[in-house]
Each structure stands twice: as structure tokens, then as C-alpha cells.
Amino acid sequence: MSRSFASILAGAALSCALLASLPASADTLLVDRTKQATTGVPTRGMSMADVEARFGVPTERMDPRGGQKRQWPTINRWVYPTFTVYFERNRVIDTVANRATASEIGPKPAIR
């Protein structure tokens, strides 16, 4: 072993030891939280009336988007405290979990 290679190995070992001694920290990912609690949200195909009957009145009903052409159906969004429901016309097409805190890593906020 050459002297420079040995010093590189020693430096790498020292770096690994320093990194191992640092306290571990992790971000809470929105994906991780949604995997834990995927039950209790509206499912694809439910009607607006079914969603409102089961989950109550939404916190906010956002302005509809689309609908200018037949090929662009109207998309409605209802915001609940823990999730947002997306409707195509009057049927659920997707449910997305909201951020629990501002520091949680997840999707960008909805365009209003």
C-alpha cells in the first residue's frame, strides 16, 4: 500500500466515525404518513352526495376548474382538515392528504 492511499483510507475511516457519532434526524414525509392512514378517506367513484353524507360538509369548497370544452371536464375540489377530494363532474377521481405541518415535505399547496 502506498502512503497516500493509506492516508486516504484513514481519512475516510475518520469521516465515517464522525458521521456515525452525529445524532440522527429525519423529515416526516407526507407519503409515509399517508401510507399509515389510507382508510377513512373517500374512494374513487363516490358521488359528491355520498362524500358529504359520510364525511360531512367540507371546510372549503374551492372554485371549479376546467369545463371550457367537452374534452376538459369540470374539476371540483373539496378541502377537509386532513385531505382534499378531487371530483370530475360529480364523482371522486382522487383524494390527497393535506400537510399536517408547514415543515412536512409533500406536494405544493393548491392553486387558488
N, C-alpha and C. Protein backbone atom coordinates (compact mmCIF):
# COMPACT_ATOMS: atom_id res chain seq x y z
N MET A 1 0.84 -1.17 0.00
CA MET A 1 0.00 0.00 0.00
C MET A 1 0.89 1.24 0.00
N SER A 2 0.53 2.16 -0.84
CA SER A 2 1.31 3.39 -0.87
C SER A 2 0.89 4.28 0.29
N ARG A 3 1.75 5.22 0.61
CA ARG A 3 1.50 6.09 1.76
C ARG A 3 0.27 6.98 1.53
N SER A 4 0.06 7.49 0.32
CA SER A 4 -1.08 8.36 0.06
C SER A 4 -2.40 7.57 0.12
N PHE A 5 -2.40 6.33 -0.35
CA PHE A 5 -3.60 5.51 -0.28
C PHE A 5 -3.96 5.20 1.17
N ALA A 6 -2.96 4.93 1.99
CA ALA A 6 -3.20 4.66 3.40
C ALA A 6 -3.77 5.90 4.10
N SER A 7 -3.28 7.07 3.75
CA SER A 7 -3.80 8.30 4.38
C SER A 7 -5.24 8.57 3.92
N ILE A 8 -5.57 8.22 2.67
CA ILE A 8 -6.94 8.37 2.19
C ILE A 8 -7.87 7.44 2.97
N LEU A 9 -7.45 6.20 3.16
CA LEU A 9 -8.25 5.25 3.93
C LEU A 9 -8.44 5.71 5.36
N ALA A 10 -7.40 6.24 5.97
CA ALA A 10 -7.51 6.73 7.35
C ALA A 10 -8.46 7.92 7.43
N GLY A 11 -8.39 8.81 6.45
CA GLY A 11 -9.30 9.96 6.43
C GLY A 11 -10.75 9.52 6.23
N ALA A 12 -10.97 8.53 5.38
CA ALA A 12 -12.32 8.02 5.15
C ALA A 12 -12.87 7.37 6.42
N ALA A 13 -12.04 6.61 7.11
CA ALA A 13 -12.48 5.97 8.35
C ALA A 13 -12.82 7.02 9.41
N LEU A 14 -12.02 8.07 9.49
CA LEU A 14 -12.29 9.14 10.45
C LEU A 14 -13.60 9.86 10.10
N SER A 15 -13.83 10.11 8.83
CA SER A 15 -15.08 10.75 8.40
C SER A 15 -16.28 9.90 8.75
N CYS A 16 -16.19 8.60 8.52
CA CYS A 16 -17.29 7.69 8.85
C CYS A 16 -17.56 7.68 10.35
N ALA A 17 -16.50 7.69 11.14
CA ALA A 17 -16.66 7.70 12.60
C ALA A 17 -17.33 8.99 13.06
N LEU A 18 -16.96 10.12 12.48
CA LEU A 18 -17.59 11.39 12.84
C LEU A 18 -19.06 11.42 12.45
N LEU A 19 -19.40 10.93 11.27
CA LEU A 19 -20.79 10.89 10.84
C LEU A 19 -21.63 9.98 11.72
N ALA A 20 -21.05 8.87 12.13
CA ALA A 20 -21.78 7.92 12.97
C ALA A 20 -22.07 8.49 14.35
N SER A 21 -21.24 9.44 14.81
CA SER A 21 -21.44 10.00 16.14
C SER A 21 -22.48 11.13 16.16
N LEU A 22 -22.89 11.63 14.99
CA LEU A 22 -23.88 12.70 14.94
C LEU A 22 -25.27 12.13 15.26
N PRO A 23 -26.11 12.93 15.93
CA PRO A 23 -27.46 12.46 16.21
C PRO A 23 -28.26 12.30 14.92
N ALA A 24 -29.07 11.26 14.86
CA ALA A 24 -29.88 11.01 13.67
C ALA A 24 -31.10 11.91 13.67
N SER A 25 -31.46 12.41 12.52
CA SER A 25 -32.68 13.19 12.38
C SER A 25 -33.32 12.82 11.06
N ALA A 26 -34.64 12.95 11.01
CA ALA A 26 -35.34 12.60 9.78
C ALA A 26 -36.51 13.53 9.58
N ASP A 27 -36.83 13.76 8.34
CA ASP A 27 -38.00 14.56 8.00
C ASP A 27 -39.22 13.65 7.96
N THR A 28 -40.36 14.18 8.31
CA THR A 28 -41.59 13.44 8.17
C THR A 28 -42.09 13.65 6.76
N LEU A 29 -42.21 12.59 6.01
CA LEU A 29 -42.68 12.70 4.65
C LEU A 29 -44.18 12.48 4.61
N LEU A 30 -44.85 13.25 3.80
CA LEU A 30 -46.28 13.12 3.62
C LEU A 30 -46.62 11.72 3.12
N VAL A 31 -45.77 11.16 2.28
CA VAL A 31 -46.00 9.82 1.74
C VAL A 31 -46.03 8.80 2.87
N ASP A 32 -45.11 8.91 3.81
CA ASP A 32 -45.07 7.97 4.93
C ASP A 32 -46.34 8.06 5.77
N ARG A 33 -46.79 9.28 6.03
CA ARG A 33 -47.98 9.45 6.84
C ARG A 33 -49.22 8.92 6.13
N THR A 34 -49.31 9.12 4.83
CA THR A 34 -50.49 8.65 4.11
C THR A 34 -50.52 7.14 4.00
N LYS A 35 -49.37 6.49 3.98
CA LYS A 35 -49.35 5.03 3.96
C LYS A 35 -49.90 4.46 5.26
N GLN A 36 -49.70 5.18 6.36
CA GLN A 36 -50.18 4.72 7.66
C GLN A 36 -51.70 4.87 7.79
N ALA A 37 -52.27 5.89 7.18
CA ALA A 37 -53.70 6.15 7.36
C ALA A 37 -54.41 6.32 6.02
N THR A 38 -54.52 5.24 5.25
CA THR A 38 -55.19 5.34 3.96
C THR A 38 -56.66 4.97 4.07
N THR A 39 -57.09 4.51 5.22
CA THR A 39 -58.51 4.21 5.40
C THR A 39 -59.21 5.46 5.91
N GLY A 40 -60.49 5.52 5.68
CA GLY A 40 -61.24 6.66 6.18
C GLY A 40 -61.20 7.87 5.28
N VAL A 41 -60.96 7.67 3.99
CA VAL A 41 -60.99 8.76 3.02
C VAL A 41 -61.92 8.37 1.88
N PRO A 42 -62.47 9.33 1.16
CA PRO A 42 -63.35 9.00 0.03
C PRO A 42 -62.61 8.17 -1.02
N THR A 43 -63.32 7.25 -1.62
CA THR A 43 -62.71 6.39 -2.63
C THR A 43 -63.20 6.79 -4.02
N ARG A 44 -62.41 6.41 -4.99
CA ARG A 44 -62.71 6.74 -6.40
C ARG A 44 -64.10 6.24 -6.77
N GLY A 45 -64.88 7.12 -7.41
CA GLY A 45 -66.20 6.75 -7.88
C GLY A 45 -67.34 7.18 -6.98
N MET A 46 -67.04 7.58 -5.74
CA MET A 46 -68.11 8.05 -4.85
C MET A 46 -68.69 9.35 -5.41
N SER A 47 -69.97 9.56 -5.19
CA SER A 47 -70.60 10.81 -5.63
C SER A 47 -70.37 11.90 -4.59
N MET A 48 -70.63 13.14 -4.99
CA MET A 48 -70.50 14.27 -4.06
C MET A 48 -71.44 14.09 -2.88
N ALA A 49 -72.66 13.61 -3.16
CA ALA A 49 -73.64 13.41 -2.09
C ALA A 49 -73.16 12.34 -1.11
N ASP A 50 -72.54 11.26 -1.63
CA ASP A 50 -72.00 10.20 -0.76
C ASP A 50 -70.88 10.73 0.14
N VAL A 51 -70.00 11.53 -0.45
CA VAL A 51 -68.88 12.09 0.32
C VAL A 51 -69.40 13.01 1.42
N GLU A 52 -70.33 13.87 1.08
CA GLU A 52 -70.86 14.80 2.08
C GLU A 52 -71.64 14.06 3.16
N ALA A 53 -72.36 13.00 2.80
CA ALA A 53 -73.11 12.23 3.80
C ALA A 53 -72.16 11.49 4.75
N ARG A 54 -71.06 10.97 4.23
CA ARG A 54 -70.15 10.18 5.05
C ARG A 54 -69.15 11.03 5.83
N PHE A 55 -68.65 12.11 5.22
CA PHE A 55 -67.57 12.89 5.84
C PHE A 55 -68.01 14.28 6.30
N GLY A 56 -69.24 14.64 6.04
CA GLY A 56 -69.75 15.94 6.47
C GLY A 56 -69.46 17.03 5.47
N VAL A 57 -69.82 18.24 5.85
CA VAL A 57 -69.62 19.41 4.99
C VAL A 57 -68.12 19.73 4.95
N PRO A 58 -67.55 19.98 3.78
CA PRO A 58 -66.12 20.30 3.71
C PRO A 58 -65.81 21.64 4.35
N THR A 59 -64.58 21.79 4.78
CA THR A 59 -64.11 23.06 5.34
C THR A 59 -64.15 24.16 4.29
N GLU A 60 -63.82 23.78 3.06
CA GLU A 60 -63.79 24.75 1.97
C GLU A 60 -64.14 24.05 0.67
N ARG A 61 -64.96 24.71 -0.14
CA ARG A 61 -65.26 24.25 -1.50
C ARG A 61 -64.57 25.22 -2.44
N MET A 62 -63.52 24.76 -3.07
CA MET A 62 -62.74 25.64 -3.95
C MET A 62 -63.47 25.83 -5.28
N ASP A 63 -63.16 26.93 -5.95
CA ASP A 63 -63.78 27.22 -7.24
C ASP A 63 -63.48 26.11 -8.23
N PRO A 64 -64.47 25.71 -9.04
CA PRO A 64 -64.23 24.67 -10.04
C PRO A 64 -63.27 25.14 -11.12
N ARG A 65 -62.56 24.20 -11.70
CA ARG A 65 -61.61 24.47 -12.78
C ARG A 65 -62.00 23.63 -13.99
N GLY A 66 -61.68 24.11 -15.17
CA GLY A 66 -61.95 23.38 -16.41
C GLY A 66 -63.37 23.59 -16.88
N GLY A 67 -63.82 22.70 -17.79
CA GLY A 67 -65.16 22.76 -18.30
C GLY A 67 -65.35 23.68 -19.49
N GLN A 68 -64.28 24.29 -19.99
CA GLN A 68 -64.41 25.20 -21.13
C GLN A 68 -64.76 24.43 -22.42
N LYS A 69 -64.30 23.20 -22.51
CA LYS A 69 -64.60 22.34 -23.65
C LYS A 69 -65.11 21.01 -23.14
N ARG A 70 -65.75 20.28 -24.02
CA ARG A 70 -66.27 18.96 -23.62
C ARG A 70 -65.14 18.02 -23.19
N GLN A 71 -63.98 18.16 -23.83
CA GLN A 71 -62.84 17.30 -23.50
C GLN A 71 -62.22 17.65 -22.15
N TRP A 72 -62.55 18.81 -21.61
CA TRP A 72 -62.00 19.27 -20.34
C TRP A 72 -63.11 19.27 -19.29
N PRO A 73 -63.32 18.18 -18.60
CA PRO A 73 -64.41 18.15 -17.63
C PRO A 73 -64.15 19.09 -16.46
N THR A 74 -65.22 19.50 -15.82
CA THR A 74 -65.11 20.39 -14.66
C THR A 74 -64.54 19.59 -13.48
N ILE A 75 -63.53 20.16 -12.84
CA ILE A 75 -62.90 19.55 -11.67
C ILE A 75 -63.26 20.40 -10.45
N ASN A 76 -63.89 19.76 -9.46
CA ASN A 76 -64.22 20.43 -8.20
C ASN A 76 -63.29 19.90 -7.12
N ARG A 77 -62.95 20.77 -6.16
CA ARG A 77 -62.08 20.38 -5.05
C ARG A 77 -62.75 20.75 -3.74
N TRP A 78 -62.85 19.77 -2.87
CA TRP A 78 -63.37 20.00 -1.52
C TRP A 78 -62.25 19.76 -0.54
N VAL A 79 -62.03 20.70 0.35
CA VAL A 79 -60.95 20.59 1.33
C VAL A 79 -61.54 20.21 2.69
N TYR A 80 -61.03 19.14 3.26
CA TYR A 80 -61.33 18.70 4.62
C TYR A 80 -60.08 18.90 5.46
N PRO A 81 -60.15 18.82 6.79
CA PRO A 81 -58.96 19.08 7.61
C PRO A 81 -57.75 18.21 7.27
N THR A 82 -57.95 16.94 6.93
CA THR A 82 -56.80 16.05 6.68
C THR A 82 -56.61 15.65 5.23
N PHE A 83 -57.57 15.94 4.36
CA PHE A 83 -57.43 15.55 2.96
C PHE A 83 -58.22 16.49 2.05
N THR A 84 -57.89 16.45 0.77
CA THR A 84 -58.61 17.20 -0.26
C THR A 84 -59.16 16.20 -1.26
N VAL A 85 -60.43 16.36 -1.62
CA VAL A 85 -61.09 15.45 -2.55
C VAL A 85 -61.23 16.16 -3.90
N TYR A 86 -60.86 15.47 -4.97
CA TYR A 86 -60.99 15.98 -6.33
C TYR A 86 -62.11 15.23 -7.03
N PHE A 87 -63.03 15.98 -7.62
CA PHE A 87 -64.17 15.41 -8.33
C PHE A 87 -64.08 15.76 -9.81
N GLU A 88 -64.40 14.81 -10.67
CA GLU A 88 -64.62 15.09 -12.08
C GLU A 88 -66.12 15.06 -12.27
N ARG A 89 -66.65 16.20 -12.61
CA ARG A 89 -68.09 16.44 -12.60
C ARG A 89 -68.60 16.20 -11.18
N ASN A 90 -69.25 15.07 -10.89
CA ASN A 90 -69.73 14.86 -9.51
C ASN A 90 -69.21 13.57 -8.90
N ARG A 91 -68.15 12.99 -9.47
CA ARG A 91 -67.58 11.73 -8.96
C ARG A 91 -66.15 11.92 -8.50
N VAL A 92 -65.77 11.23 -7.41
CA VAL A 92 -64.40 11.32 -6.88
C VAL A 92 -63.44 10.69 -7.87
N ILE A 93 -62.38 11.43 -8.20
CA ILE A 93 -61.30 10.86 -9.02
C ILE A 93 -60.02 10.66 -8.21
N ASP A 94 -59.88 11.42 -7.10
CA ASP A 94 -58.68 11.27 -6.28
C ASP A 94 -58.88 11.93 -4.92
N THR A 95 -58.18 11.44 -3.94
CA THR A 95 -58.14 12.03 -2.60
C THR A 95 -56.68 12.19 -2.22
N VAL A 96 -56.30 13.40 -1.80
CA VAL A 96 -54.91 13.71 -1.48
C VAL A 96 -54.81 14.17 -0.04
N ALA A 97 -53.84 13.62 0.71
CA ALA A 97 -53.64 14.02 2.10
C ALA A 97 -53.07 15.43 2.16
N ASN A 98 -53.55 16.23 3.10
CA ASN A 98 -53.03 17.57 3.33
C ASN A 98 -51.81 17.49 4.22
N ARG A 99 -50.99 18.51 4.18
CA ARG A 99 -49.83 18.57 5.07
C ARG A 99 -50.30 18.73 6.51
N ALA A 100 -49.67 18.01 7.43
CA ALA A 100 -50.01 18.12 8.84
C ALA A 100 -49.39 19.38 9.44
N THR A 101 -48.18 19.70 9.01
CA THR A 101 -47.50 20.91 9.47
C THR A 101 -46.82 21.57 8.29
N ALA A 102 -46.44 22.81 8.46
CA ALA A 102 -45.77 23.53 7.37
C ALA A 102 -44.41 22.94 7.05
N SER A 103 -43.78 22.26 8.01
CA SER A 103 -42.45 21.69 7.78
C SER A 103 -42.50 20.32 7.12
N GLU A 104 -43.68 19.74 7.01
CA GLU A 104 -43.80 18.42 6.39
C GLU A 104 -43.50 18.53 4.90
N ILE A 105 -42.76 17.58 4.38
CA ILE A 105 -42.38 17.58 2.98
C ILE A 105 -43.47 16.88 2.19
N GLY A 106 -44.01 17.55 1.21
CA GLY A 106 -45.08 16.97 0.41
C GLY A 106 -45.38 17.83 -0.79
N PRO A 107 -46.56 17.66 -1.38
CA PRO A 107 -46.88 18.41 -2.59
C PRO A 107 -47.03 19.90 -2.32
N LYS A 108 -46.95 20.66 -3.37
CA LYS A 108 -47.13 22.11 -3.27
C LYS A 108 -48.58 22.41 -2.89
N PRO A 109 -48.84 23.55 -2.27
CA PRO A 109 -50.23 23.91 -1.95
C PRO A 109 -51.07 24.07 -3.20
N ALA A 110 -52.37 23.90 -3.06
CA ALA A 110 -53.29 24.01 -4.19
C ALA A 110 -53.30 25.43 -4.74
N ILE A 111 -53.48 25.54 -6.03
CA ILE A 111 -53.61 26.84 -6.68
C ILE A 111 -55.01 27.34 -6.42
N ARG A 112 -55.14 28.54 -5.91
CA ARG A 112 -56.47 29.05 -5.55
C ARG A 112 -56.97 30.01 -6.57
